């Protein structure tokens, strides 16, 4: 193995940005979580229905430093 391959290896970040979506109205927002953590579900205020709603993690967007 060449030394340059070892030196240029990318390191995975410890956090990722995910898309959170409301189960009720479809409202979405971005959230940052640890890469090794479980998928998120949370209760948060939904501006479309003016009440609290359950949000779940829809998909990964990108890695964050």
PDB file of N, CA and C in Angstrom:
ATOM      1  N   UNK A   1       0.857  -1.179   0.000  1.00  0.00           N
ATOM      2  CA  UNK A   1       0.000   0.000   0.000  1.00  0.00           C
ATOM      3  C   UNK A   1       0.899   1.237   0.000  1.00  0.00           C
ATOM      4  N   UNK A   2       0.467   2.231  -0.732  1.00  0.00           N
ATOM      5  CA  UNK A   2       1.230   3.469  -0.808  1.00  0.00           C
ATOM      6  C   UNK A   2       0.923   4.370   0.383  1.00  0.00           C
ATOM      7  N   UNK A   3       1.893   5.118   0.787  1.00  0.00           N
ATOM      8  CA  UNK A   3       1.742   6.034   1.906  1.00  0.00           C
ATOM      9  C   UNK A   3       0.735   7.131   1.612  1.00  0.00           C
ATOM     10  N   UNK A   4       0.622   7.562   0.355  1.00  0.00           N
ATOM     11  CA  UNK A   4      -0.317   8.632   0.002  1.00  0.00           C
ATOM     12  C   UNK A   4      -1.764   8.202   0.208  1.00  0.00           C
ATOM     13  N   UNK A   5      -2.069   6.920  -0.011  1.00  0.00           N
ATOM     14  CA  UNK A   5      -3.438   6.429   0.215  1.00  0.00           C
ATOM     15  C   UNK A   5      -3.831   6.535   1.681  1.00  0.00           C
ATOM     16  N   UNK A   6      -2.898   6.288   2.559  1.00  0.00           N
ATOM     17  CA  UNK A   6      -3.164   6.366   3.994  1.00  0.00           C
ATOM     18  C   UNK A   6      -3.358   7.819   4.415  1.00  0.00           C
ATOM     19  N   UNK A   7      -2.559   8.707   3.892  1.00  0.00           N
ATOM     20  CA  UNK A   7      -2.620  10.119   4.283  1.00  0.00           C
ATOM     21  C   UNK A   7      -3.858  10.825   3.745  1.00  0.00           C
ATOM     22  N   UNK A   8      -4.379  10.398   2.605  1.00  0.00           N
ATOM     23  CA  UNK A   8      -5.507  11.085   1.973  1.00  0.00           C
ATOM     24  C   UNK A   8      -6.858  10.479   2.314  1.00  0.00           C
ATOM     25  N   UNK A   9      -6.894   9.513   3.200  1.00  0.00           N
ATOM     26  CA  UNK A   9      -8.164   8.878   3.556  1.00  0.00           C
ATOM     27  C   UNK A   9      -9.072   9.868   4.267  1.00  0.00           C
ATOM     28  N   UNK A  10     -10.354   9.923   3.847  1.00  0.00           N
ATOM     29  CA  UNK A  10     -11.308  10.843   4.466  1.00  0.00           C
ATOM     30  C   UNK A  10     -11.823  10.269   5.783  1.00  0.00           C
ATOM     31  N   UNK A  11     -12.040  11.139   6.733  1.00  0.00           N
ATOM     32  CA  UNK A  11     -12.575  10.749   8.023  1.00  0.00           C
ATOM     33  C   UNK A  11     -14.070  11.074   8.043  1.00  0.00           C
ATOM     34  N   UNK A  12     -14.882  10.130   8.492  1.00  0.00           N
ATOM     35  CA  UNK A  12     -16.319  10.391   8.575  1.00  0.00           C
ATOM     36  C   UNK A  12     -16.604  11.364   9.711  1.00  0.00           C
ATOM     37  N   UNK A  13     -17.536  12.254   9.481  1.00  0.00           N
ATOM     38  CA  UNK A  13     -17.892  13.203  10.527  1.00  0.00           C
ATOM     39  C   UNK A  13     -18.737  12.506  11.590  1.00  0.00           C
ATOM     40  N   UNK A  14     -18.798  13.096  12.765  1.00  0.00           N
ATOM     41  CA  UNK A  14     -19.545  12.491  13.865  1.00  0.00           C
ATOM     42  C   UNK A  14     -21.010  12.883  13.857  1.00  0.00           C
ATOM     43  N   UNK A  15     -21.371  13.878  13.060  1.00  0.00           N
ATOM     44  CA  UNK A  15     -22.751  14.351  13.032  1.00  0.00           C
ATOM     45  C   UNK A  15     -23.283  14.367  11.607  1.00  0.00           C
ATOM     46  N   UNK A  16     -24.604  14.233  11.461  1.00  0.00           N
ATOM     47  CA  UNK A  16     -25.246  14.331  10.155  1.00  0.00           C
ATOM     48  C   UNK A  16     -26.468  15.230  10.258  1.00  0.00           C
ATOM     49  N   UNK A  17     -26.816  15.853   9.144  1.00  0.00           N
ATOM     50  CA  UNK A  17     -28.025  16.673   9.064  1.00  0.00           C
ATOM     51  C   UNK A  17     -29.127  15.817   8.455  1.00  0.00           C
ATOM     52  N   UNK A  18     -30.297  15.794   9.105  1.00  0.00           N
ATOM     53  CA  UNK A  18     -31.421  14.983   8.637  1.00  0.00           C
ATOM     54  C   UNK A  18     -32.647  15.863   8.425  1.00  0.00           C
ATOM     55  N   UNK A  19     -33.552  15.395   7.581  1.00  0.00           N
ATOM     56  CA  UNK A  19     -34.806  16.096   7.314  1.00  0.00           C
ATOM     57  C   UNK A  19     -35.883  15.533   8.224  1.00  0.00           C
ATOM     58  N   UNK A  20     -36.496  16.390   9.019  1.00  0.00           N
ATOM     59  CA  UNK A  20     -37.589  15.987   9.913  1.00  0.00           C
ATOM     60  C   UNK A  20     -38.907  16.427   9.286  1.00  0.00           C
ATOM     61  N   UNK A  21     -39.921  15.567   9.333  1.00  0.00           N
ATOM     62  CA  UNK A  21     -41.211  15.873   8.717  1.00  0.00           C
ATOM     63  C   UNK A  21     -42.347  15.576   9.692  1.00  0.00           C
ATOM     64  N   UNK A  22     -43.335  16.469   9.705  1.00  0.00           N
ATOM     65  CA  UNK A  22     -44.504  16.301  10.558  1.00  0.00           C
ATOM     66  C   UNK A  22     -45.401  15.198  10.010  1.00  0.00           C
ATOM     67  N   UNK A  23     -45.919  14.352  10.902  1.00  0.00           N
ATOM     68  CA  UNK A  23     -46.845  13.302  10.477  1.00  0.00           C
ATOM     69  C   UNK A  23     -48.211  13.874  10.120  1.00  0.00           C
ATOM     70  N   UNK A  24     -48.539  15.045  10.659  1.00  0.00           N
ATOM     71  CA  UNK A  24     -49.867  15.612  10.468  1.00  0.00           C
ATOM     72  C   UNK A  24     -49.956  16.442   9.192  1.00  0.00           C
ATOM     73  N   UNK A  25     -49.065  17.431   9.060  1.00  0.00           N
ATOM     74  CA  UNK A  25     -49.216  18.389   7.967  1.00  0.00           C
ATOM     75  C   UNK A  25     -48.158  18.294   6.882  1.00  0.00           C
ATOM     76  N   UNK A  26     -47.064  17.611   7.143  1.00  0.00           N
ATOM     77  CA  UNK A  26     -45.999  17.546   6.150  1.00  0.00           C
ATOM     78  C   UNK A  26     -44.977  18.660   6.270  1.00  0.00           C
ATOM     79  N   UNK A  27     -45.090  19.498   7.302  1.00  0.00           N
ATOM     80  CA  UNK A  27     -44.111  20.564   7.533  1.00  0.00           C
ATOM     81  C   UNK A  27     -42.748  19.933   7.756  1.00  0.00           C
ATOM     82  N   UNK A  28     -41.671  20.550   7.204  1.00  0.00           N
ATOM     83  CA  UNK A  28     -40.339  19.972   7.294  1.00  0.00           C
ATOM     84  C   UNK A  28     -39.337  20.976   7.845  1.00  0.00           C
ATOM     85  N   UNK A  29     -38.308  20.467   8.514  1.00  0.00           N
ATOM     86  CA  UNK A  29     -37.187  21.284   8.951  1.00  0.00           C
ATOM     87  C   UNK A  29     -35.956  20.391   9.069  1.00  0.00           C
ATOM     88  N   UNK A  30     -34.776  21.003   9.080  1.00  0.00           N
ATOM     89  CA  UNK A  30     -33.515  20.276   9.199  1.00  0.00           C
ATOM     90  C   UNK A  30     -33.097  20.197  10.653  1.00  0.00           C
ATOM     91  N   UNK A  31     -32.434  19.096  11.004  1.00  0.00           N
ATOM     92  CA  UNK A  31     -31.977  18.874  12.368  1.00  0.00           C
ATOM     93  C   UNK A  31     -30.641  18.144  12.311  1.00  0.00           C
ATOM     94  N   UNK A  32     -29.758  18.417  13.256  1.00  0.00           N
ATOM     95  CA  UNK A  32     -28.448  17.775  13.295  1.00  0.00           C
ATOM     96  C   UNK A  32     -28.419  16.776  14.446  1.00  0.00           C
ATOM     97  N   UNK A  33     -27.979  15.542  14.140  1.00  0.00           N
ATOM     98  CA  UNK A  33     -27.884  14.499  15.164  1.00  0.00           C
ATOM     99  C   UNK A  33     -26.565  13.761  15.011  1.00  0.00           C
ATOM    100  N   UNK A  34     -26.198  12.983  16.028  1.00  0.00           N
ATOM    101  CA  UNK A  34     -24.994  12.164  15.962  1.00  0.00           C
ATOM    102  C   UNK A  34     -25.194  11.031  14.960  1.00  0.00           C
ATOM    103  N   UNK A  35     -24.131  10.668  14.286  1.00  0.00           N
ATOM    104  CA  UNK A  35     -24.209   9.628  13.257  1.00  0.00           C
ATOM    105  C   UNK A  35     -24.599   8.271  13.852  1.00  0.00           C
ATOM    106  N   UNK A  36     -24.125   7.958  15.048  1.00  0.00           N
ATOM    107  CA  UNK A  36     -24.369   6.649  15.644  1.00  0.00           C
ATOM    108  C   UNK A  36     -25.681   6.561  16.422  1.00  0.00           C
ATOM    109  N   UNK A  37     -26.384   7.670  16.579  1.00  0.00           N
ATOM    110  CA  UNK A  37     -27.643   7.671  17.334  1.00  0.00           C
ATOM    111  C   UNK A  37     -28.759   7.012  16.524  1.00  0.00           C
ATOM    112  N   UNK A  38     -29.824   6.617  17.220  1.00  0.00           N
ATOM    113  CA  UNK A  38     -30.988   6.034  16.550  1.00  0.00           C
ATOM    114  C   UNK A  38     -31.729   7.102  15.761  1.00  0.00           C
ATOM    115  N   UNK A  39     -32.636   6.662  14.883  1.00  0.00           N
ATOM    116  CA  UNK A  39     -33.453   7.613  14.129  1.00  0.00           C
ATOM    117  C   UNK A  39     -34.331   8.399  15.100  1.00  0.00           C
ATOM    118  N   UNK A  40     -34.579   9.666  14.756  1.00  0.00           N
ATOM    119  CA  UNK A  40     -35.272  10.566  15.666  1.00  0.00           C
ATOM    120  C   UNK A  40     -36.784  10.565  15.467  1.00  0.00           C
ATOM    121  N   UNK A  41     -37.492  10.748  16.561  1.00  0.00           N
ATOM    122  CA  UNK A  41     -38.916  11.092  16.594  1.00  0.00           C
ATOM    123  C   UNK A  41     -39.068  12.079  17.723  1.00  0.00           C
ATOM    124  N   UNK A  42     -39.764  13.183  17.473  1.00  0.00           N
ATOM    125  CA  UNK A  42     -39.916  14.201  18.513  1.00  0.00           C
ATOM    126  C   UNK A  42     -41.252  14.908  18.372  1.00  0.00           C
ATOM    127  N   UNK A  43     -41.663  15.510  19.478  1.00  0.00           N
ATOM    128  CA  UNK A  43     -42.865  16.340  19.482  1.00  0.00           C
ATOM    129  C   UNK A  43     -42.407  17.785  19.432  1.00  0.00           C
ATOM    130  N   UNK A  44     -42.955  18.532  18.470  1.00  0.00           N
ATOM    131  CA  UNK A  44     -42.550  19.914  18.275  1.00  0.00           C
ATOM    132  C   UNK A  44     -43.735  20.703  17.730  1.00  0.00           C
ATOM    133  N   UNK A  45     -43.712  22.024  17.915  1.00  0.00           N
ATOM    134  CA  UNK A  45     -44.789  22.886  17.448  1.00  0.00           C
ATOM    135  C   UNK A  45     -44.825  22.910  15.925  1.00  0.00           C
ATOM    136  N   UNK A  46     -45.992  22.679  15.352  1.00  0.00           N
ATOM    137  CA  UNK A  46     -46.183  22.698  13.891  1.00  0.00           C
ATOM    138  C   UNK A  46     -46.883  24.004  13.517  1.00  0.00           C
ATOM    139  N   UNK A  47     -46.229  24.898  12.771  1.00  0.00           N
ATOM    140  CA  UNK A  47     -46.832  26.194  12.445  1.00  0.00           C
ATOM    141  C   UNK A  47     -48.025  26.092  11.490  1.00  0.00           C
ATOM    142  N   UNK A  48     -48.146  25.005  10.731  1.00  0.00           N
ATOM    143  CA  UNK A  48     -49.264  24.871   9.797  1.00  0.00           C
ATOM    144  C   UNK A  48     -50.589  24.638  10.522  1.00  0.00           C
ATOM    145  N   UNK A  49     -50.565  23.840  11.584  1.00  0.00           N
ATOM    146  CA  UNK A  49     -51.806  23.527  12.293  1.00  0.00           C
ATOM    147  C   UNK A  49     -51.907  24.253  13.628  1.00  0.00           C
ATOM    148  N   UNK A  50     -50.859  25.006  14.001  1.00  0.00           N
ATOM    149  CA  UNK A  50     -50.811  25.786  15.244  1.00  0.00           C
ATOM    150  C   UNK A  50     -50.959  24.912  16.490  1.00  0.00           C
ATOM    151  N   UNK A  51     -50.419  23.696  16.447  1.00  0.00           N
ATOM    152  CA  UNK A  51     -50.443  22.774  17.584  1.00  0.00           C
ATOM    153  C   UNK A  51     -49.155  21.963  17.565  1.00  0.00           C
ATOM    154  N   UNK A  52     -48.927  21.222  18.652  1.00  0.00           N
ATOM    155  CA  UNK A  52     -47.786  20.320  18.678  1.00  0.00           C
ATOM    156  C   UNK A  52     -48.099  19.072  17.859  1.00  0.00           C
ATOM    157  N   UNK A  53     -47.082  18.559  17.170  1.00  0.00           N
ATOM    158  CA  UNK A  53     -47.258  17.376  16.333  1.00  0.00           C
ATOM    159  C   UNK A  53     -46.007  16.494  16.455  1.00  0.00           C
ATOM    160  N   UNK A  54     -46.143  15.251  16.035  1.00  0.00           N
ATOM    161  CA  UNK A  54     -45.023  14.317  16.053  1.00  0.00           C
ATOM    162  C   UNK A  54     -44.248  14.477  14.744  1.00  0.00           C
ATOM    163  N   UNK A  55     -42.932  14.655  14.869  1.00  0.00           N
ATOM    164  CA  UNK A  55     -42.040  14.735  13.716  1.00  0.00           C
ATOM    165  C   UNK A  55     -41.187  13.475  13.697  1.00  0.00           C
ATOM    166  N   UNK A  56     -40.923  12.946  12.507  1.00  0.00           N
ATOM    167  CA  UNK A  56     -40.064  11.781  12.378  1.00  0.00           C
ATOM    168  C   UNK A  56     -38.968  12.075  11.353  1.00  0.00           C
ATOM    169  N   UNK A  57     -37.885  11.336  11.465  1.00  0.00           N
ATOM    170  CA  UNK A  57     -36.750  11.521  10.567  1.00  0.00           C
ATOM    171  C   UNK A  57     -37.069  10.913   9.211  1.00  0.00           C
ATOM    172  N   UNK A  58     -37.013  11.731   8.189  1.00  0.00           N
ATOM    173  CA  UNK A  58     -37.362  11.259   6.848  1.00  0.00           C
ATOM    174  C   UNK A  58     -36.143  10.720   6.101  1.00  0.00           C
ATOM    175  N   UNK A  59     -35.046  11.530   6.039  1.00  0.00           N
ATOM    176  CA  UNK A  59     -33.864  11.068   5.320  1.00  0.00           C
ATOM    177  C   UNK A  59     -32.639  11.868   5.735  1.00  0.00           C
ATOM    178  N   UNK A  60     -31.484  11.340   5.385  1.00  0.00           N
ATOM    179  CA  UNK A  60     -30.215  12.025   5.633  1.00  0.00           C
ATOM    180  C   UNK A  60     -29.989  13.047   4.522  1.00  0.00           C
ATOM    181  N   UNK A  61     -29.503  14.245   4.888  1.00  0.00           N
ATOM    182  CA  UNK A  61     -29.213  15.269   3.893  1.00  0.00           C
ATOM    183  C   UNK A  61     -27.717  15.322   3.602  1.00  0.00           C
ATOM    184  N   UNK A  62     -26.887  15.488   4.635  1.00  0.00           N
ATOM    185  CA  UNK A  62     -25.438  15.555   4.432  1.00  0.00           C
ATOM    186  C   UNK A  62     -24.711  15.381   5.750  1.00  0.00           C
ATOM    187  N   UNK A  63     -23.409  15.205   5.664  1.00  0.00           N
ATOM    188  CA  UNK A  63     -22.551  15.135   6.848  1.00  0.00           C
ATOM    189  C   UNK A  63     -22.190  16.550   7.282  1.00  0.00           C
ATOM    190  N   UNK A  64     -22.052  16.742   8.585  1.00  0.00           N
ATOM    191  CA  UNK A  64     -21.740  18.048   9.134  1.00  0.00           C
ATOM    192  C   UNK A  64     -20.513  17.906  10.017  1.00  0.00           C
ATOM    193  N   UNK A  65     -19.612  18.845   9.947  1.00  0.00           N
ATOM    194  CA  UNK A  65     -18.389  18.794  10.765  1.00  0.00           C
ATOM    195  C   UNK A  65     -18.652  19.170  12.196  1.00  0.00           C
TER     196      UNK A  65
END
